[in-house]
Amino acid sequence: MFRILKSPWTVPLIGGFLYLATTAAVLCLAQFERPAPLADAKVSPNDSPSWNFRNPEFEQWVQELKQERENVDQRAQQLQELQKRLDAERLEILTVTQTVHQLQMEFDRSVVRIKEQELENLKHQTKIVGAMSPEGAAALLNEMPEEQSVGVLFMLKPDAASLILDTLSKMGKTEAKRAAQLTERIKQVLPPAAGANRTASSN
């Protein structure tokens, strides 16, 4: 037996036998301790993927941003509507202003204004016309510019002005038309001041 142990083939044979025995034992143990399937494995909440991570504060912040954007859009729409209304009102005011300006121009063309610097000259002419006969005064006023004639008639006493106009209307068709125009224009005379006296200077 000691001879067999001393043989050069003994150690390799024993080593090979031990290797086979160890391998067989490991394989048997592996069959009894087989791990559970991956489908049945429980995943810890902390092991979830990063894209499934949810932060309540972040979601609230995103919601607030969305609400703020909606408020900004709504405010912008309100400002646009307000701008449209302002443009419409501005156009309406411009139209009214142009209409008033046009009416003012028409009024200025129709009225006769007695200016302060012309008042003394007008009073002097009124004295002359008041001292004349109705026929002479009517003929003179018929030759004078219309605004000047209206100013003189306005400064005369109502009775004297009516007599001159009546005389002028009887002088002919053209003179009658002028007398009617002068009568209408007298109503549109603007005196130089509110306290101006409508008096005649004739004796």
Protein backbone atom coordinates (compact mmCIF):
# COMPACT_ATOMS: atom_id res chain seq x y z
CA MET A 1 0.00 0.00 0.00
CA PHE A 2 2.84 2.34 0.78
CA ARG A 3 4.15 1.42 -2.62
CA ILE A 4 0.92 2.61 -4.21
CA LEU A 5 1.05 5.85 -2.29
CA LYS A 6 4.59 6.40 -3.42
CA SER A 7 3.57 5.94 -7.06
CA PRO A 8 3.78 9.16 -9.20
CA TRP A 9 0.18 8.61 -10.37
CA THR A 10 -1.33 8.50 -6.94
CA VAL A 11 -1.38 12.23 -6.14
CA PRO A 12 -2.91 13.29 -9.49
CA LEU A 13 -5.59 10.61 -9.17
CA ILE A 14 -6.49 11.68 -5.66
CA GLY A 15 -6.53 15.35 -6.71
CA GLY A 16 -8.78 14.60 -9.66
CA PHE A 17 -11.13 12.56 -7.46
CA LEU A 18 -11.37 15.39 -4.92
CA TYR A 19 -12.04 17.93 -7.69
CA LEU A 20 -14.87 15.84 -9.09
CA ALA A 21 -16.37 15.32 -5.65
CA THR A 22 -16.22 19.03 -4.83
CA THR A 23 -17.78 20.00 -8.14
CA ALA A 24 -20.62 17.53 -7.69
CA ALA A 25 -21.29 18.80 -4.18
CA VAL A 26 -21.41 22.44 -5.33
CA LEU A 27 -23.83 21.64 -8.14
CA CYS A 28 -26.15 19.79 -5.78
CA LEU A 29 -26.20 22.66 -3.33
CA ALA A 30 -26.91 25.11 -6.20
CA GLN A 31 -30.03 23.19 -7.14
CA PHE A 32 -31.44 23.35 -3.61
CA GLU A 33 -30.64 27.09 -3.16
CA ARG A 34 -31.94 28.34 -6.52
CA PRO A 35 -32.87 32.12 -6.25
CA ALA A 36 -36.47 33.31 -6.71
CA PRO A 37 -37.49 34.47 -10.18
CA LEU A 38 -36.92 38.14 -10.98
CA ALA A 39 -40.63 38.64 -11.62
CA ASP A 40 -41.42 37.80 -8.00
CA ALA A 41 -38.67 39.98 -6.61
CA LYS A 42 -39.79 42.89 -4.51
CA VAL A 43 -38.35 46.22 -5.58
CA SER A 44 -37.65 48.67 -2.86
CA PRO A 45 -39.31 52.07 -3.30
CA ASN A 46 -35.89 53.60 -3.01
CA ASP A 47 -34.70 51.52 -6.01
CA SER A 48 -37.26 53.04 -8.48
CA PRO A 49 -35.87 54.73 -11.64
CA SER A 50 -35.03 58.41 -11.50
CA TRP A 51 -37.67 59.30 -14.13
CA ASN A 52 -40.40 58.01 -11.80
CA PHE A 53 -39.29 60.36 -9.06
CA ARG A 54 -42.01 62.84 -8.02
CA ASN A 55 -41.41 66.03 -6.06
CA PRO A 56 -44.60 67.68 -4.73
CA GLU A 57 -42.92 71.08 -4.39
CA PHE A 58 -41.70 70.96 -7.98
CA GLU A 59 -45.16 70.02 -9.25
CA GLN A 60 -46.71 72.87 -7.26
CA TRP A 61 -44.16 75.27 -8.69
CA VAL A 62 -44.98 74.11 -12.25
CA GLN A 63 -48.72 74.54 -11.53
CA GLU A 64 -48.13 78.05 -10.22
CA LEU A 65 -46.17 78.91 -13.35
CA LYS A 66 -49.02 77.65 -15.53
CA GLN A 67 -51.54 79.69 -13.56
CA GLU A 68 -49.33 82.76 -13.79
CA ARG A 69 -49.04 82.35 -17.53
CA GLU A 70 -52.81 82.04 -17.87
CA ASN A 71 -53.20 85.24 -15.84
CA VAL A 72 -50.67 87.03 -18.03
CA ASP A 73 -52.46 85.88 -21.21
CA GLN A 74 -55.80 86.99 -19.81
CA ARG A 75 -54.35 90.36 -18.81
CA ALA A 76 -52.85 90.80 -22.28
CA GLN A 77 -56.24 90.09 -23.85
CA GLN A 78 -57.90 92.62 -21.56
CA LEU A 79 -55.28 95.22 -22.48
CA GLN A 80 -55.89 94.58 -26.18
CA GLU A 81 -59.63 95.05 -25.72
CA LEU A 82 -59.00 98.22 -23.73
CA GLN A 83 -56.69 99.52 -26.47
CA LYS A 84 -59.41 98.88 -29.05
CA ARG A 85 -61.95 100.81 -26.97
CA LEU A 86 -59.51 103.67 -26.49
CA ASP A 87 -58.82 103.81 -30.22
CA ALA A 88 -62.56 103.87 -30.94
CA GLU A 89 -63.13 106.64 -28.37
CA ARG A 90 -60.15 108.60 -29.69
CA LEU A 91 -61.57 108.36 -33.21
CA GLU A 92 -64.97 109.48 -31.95
CA ILE A 93 -63.44 112.43 -30.10
CA LEU A 94 -61.46 113.37 -33.21
CA THR A 95 -64.64 113.26 -35.29
CA VAL A 96 -66.50 115.43 -32.79
CA THR A 97 -63.58 117.87 -32.63
CA GLN A 98 -63.50 118.19 -36.40
CA THR A 99 -67.26 118.72 -36.46
CA VAL A 100 -67.03 121.43 -33.78
CA HIS A 101 -64.18 123.08 -35.65
CA GLN A 102 -66.19 123.08 -38.85
CA LEU A 103 -69.21 124.52 -37.06
CA GLN A 104 -67.00 127.17 -35.48
CA MET A 105 -65.67 128.17 -38.89
CA GLU A 106 -69.19 128.38 -40.28
CA PHE A 107 -70.26 130.43 -37.27
CA ASP A 108 -67.30 132.78 -37.69
CA ARG A 109 -68.22 133.27 -41.33
CA SER A 110 -71.83 134.07 -40.48
CA VAL A 111 -71.43 136.40 -37.49
CA VAL A 112 -70.36 140.02 -37.54
CA ARG A 113 -67.84 140.90 -34.83
CA ILE A 114 -67.50 144.48 -33.66
CA LYS A 115 -63.88 144.83 -32.65
CA GLU A 116 -62.71 147.22 -29.96
CA GLN A 117 -60.29 149.02 -32.26
CA GLU A 118 -63.09 149.65 -34.79
CA LEU A 119 -65.67 150.78 -32.25
CA GLU A 120 -64.81 154.50 -32.34
CA ASN A 121 -64.87 154.59 -36.13
CA LEU A 122 -68.19 152.75 -36.12
CA LYS A 123 -69.67 155.25 -33.67
CA HIS A 124 -68.57 158.09 -35.92
CA GLN A 125 -70.23 156.48 -38.95
CA THR A 126 -73.37 155.89 -36.89
CA LYS A 127 -73.56 159.62 -36.08
CA ILE A 128 -73.34 160.47 -39.76
CA VAL A 129 -75.99 157.95 -40.84
CA GLY A 130 -78.28 158.94 -37.96
CA ALA A 131 -78.18 162.57 -39.05
CA MET A 132 -79.21 161.73 -42.62
CA SER A 133 -82.70 161.26 -44.03
CA PRO A 134 -83.99 157.70 -44.27
CA GLU A 135 -83.58 157.79 -48.07
CA GLY A 136 -80.01 159.10 -47.91
CA ALA A 137 -79.06 156.69 -45.12
CA ALA A 138 -80.55 153.77 -47.05
CA ALA A 139 -78.64 154.73 -50.22
CA LEU A 140 -75.40 155.10 -48.26
CA LEU A 141 -75.76 151.77 -46.45
CA ASN A 142 -76.53 150.10 -49.79
CA GLU A 143 -73.08 151.13 -51.03
CA MET A 144 -71.16 150.23 -47.88
CA PRO A 145 -69.66 146.75 -47.26
CA GLU A 146 -72.19 144.42 -45.69
CA GLU A 147 -70.43 143.97 -42.35
CA GLN A 148 -69.93 147.70 -41.98
CA SER A 149 -73.59 148.37 -42.79
CA VAL A 150 -74.67 145.75 -40.26
CA GLY A 151 -72.45 147.37 -37.60
CA VAL A 152 -73.96 150.81 -38.21
CA LEU A 153 -77.52 149.49 -38.11
CA PHE A 154 -76.71 147.58 -34.90
CA MET A 155 -75.42 150.78 -33.25
CA LEU A 156 -78.48 152.83 -34.28
CA LYS A 157 -81.64 152.95 -32.22
CA PRO A 158 -84.07 150.19 -33.24
CA ASP A 159 -86.65 152.68 -34.57
CA ALA A 160 -84.10 154.48 -36.74
CA ALA A 161 -82.61 151.23 -38.07
CA SER A 162 -86.09 149.86 -38.91
CA LEU A 163 -86.98 153.05 -40.81
CA ILE A 164 -83.77 152.90 -42.86
CA LEU A 165 -84.29 149.22 -43.70
CA ASP A 166 -87.90 149.84 -44.66
CA THR A 167 -86.82 152.65 -46.97
CA LEU A 168 -84.09 150.46 -48.49
CA SER A 169 -86.55 147.62 -49.17
CA LYS A 170 -88.78 149.99 -51.18
CA MET A 171 -85.96 151.17 -53.46
CA GLY A 172 -86.07 148.11 -55.71
CA LYS A 173 -85.89 144.34 -55.88
CA THR A 174 -82.14 144.17 -55.35
CA GLU A 175 -82.30 146.65 -52.48
CA ALA A 176 -85.16 144.74 -50.88
CA LYS A 177 -83.07 141.56 -50.95
CA ARG A 178 -80.15 143.43 -49.38
CA ALA A 179 -82.43 144.87 -46.70
CA ALA A 180 -83.55 141.33 -45.82
CA GLN A 181 -79.95 140.15 -45.63
CA LEU A 182 -78.97 143.07 -43.40
CA THR A 183 -81.95 142.40 -41.13
CA GLU A 184 -80.89 138.77 -40.75
CA ARG A 185 -77.25 139.64 -40.17
CA ILE A 186 -78.09 142.14 -37.41
CA LYS A 187 -79.27 139.17 -35.32
CA GLN A 188 -75.78 137.68 -35.59
CA VAL A 189 -73.76 140.70 -34.42
CA LEU A 190 -71.28 140.13 -31.58
CA PRO A 191 -70.57 143.38 -29.70
CA PRO A 192 -67.03 144.10 -28.46
CA ALA A 193 -68.04 143.56 -24.83
CA ALA A 194 -71.01 142.28 -22.89
CA GLY A 195 -71.61 145.73 -21.44
CA ALA A 196 -71.54 147.54 -24.77
CA ASN A 197 -74.48 149.90 -25.11
CA ARG A 198 -76.54 149.66 -28.23
CA THR A 199 -77.22 153.38 -28.52
CA ALA A 200 -77.34 155.85 -31.34
CA SER A 201 -75.20 158.92 -31.43
CA SER A 202 -77.55 160.94 -33.58
CA ASN A 203 -79.20 164.07 -32.23
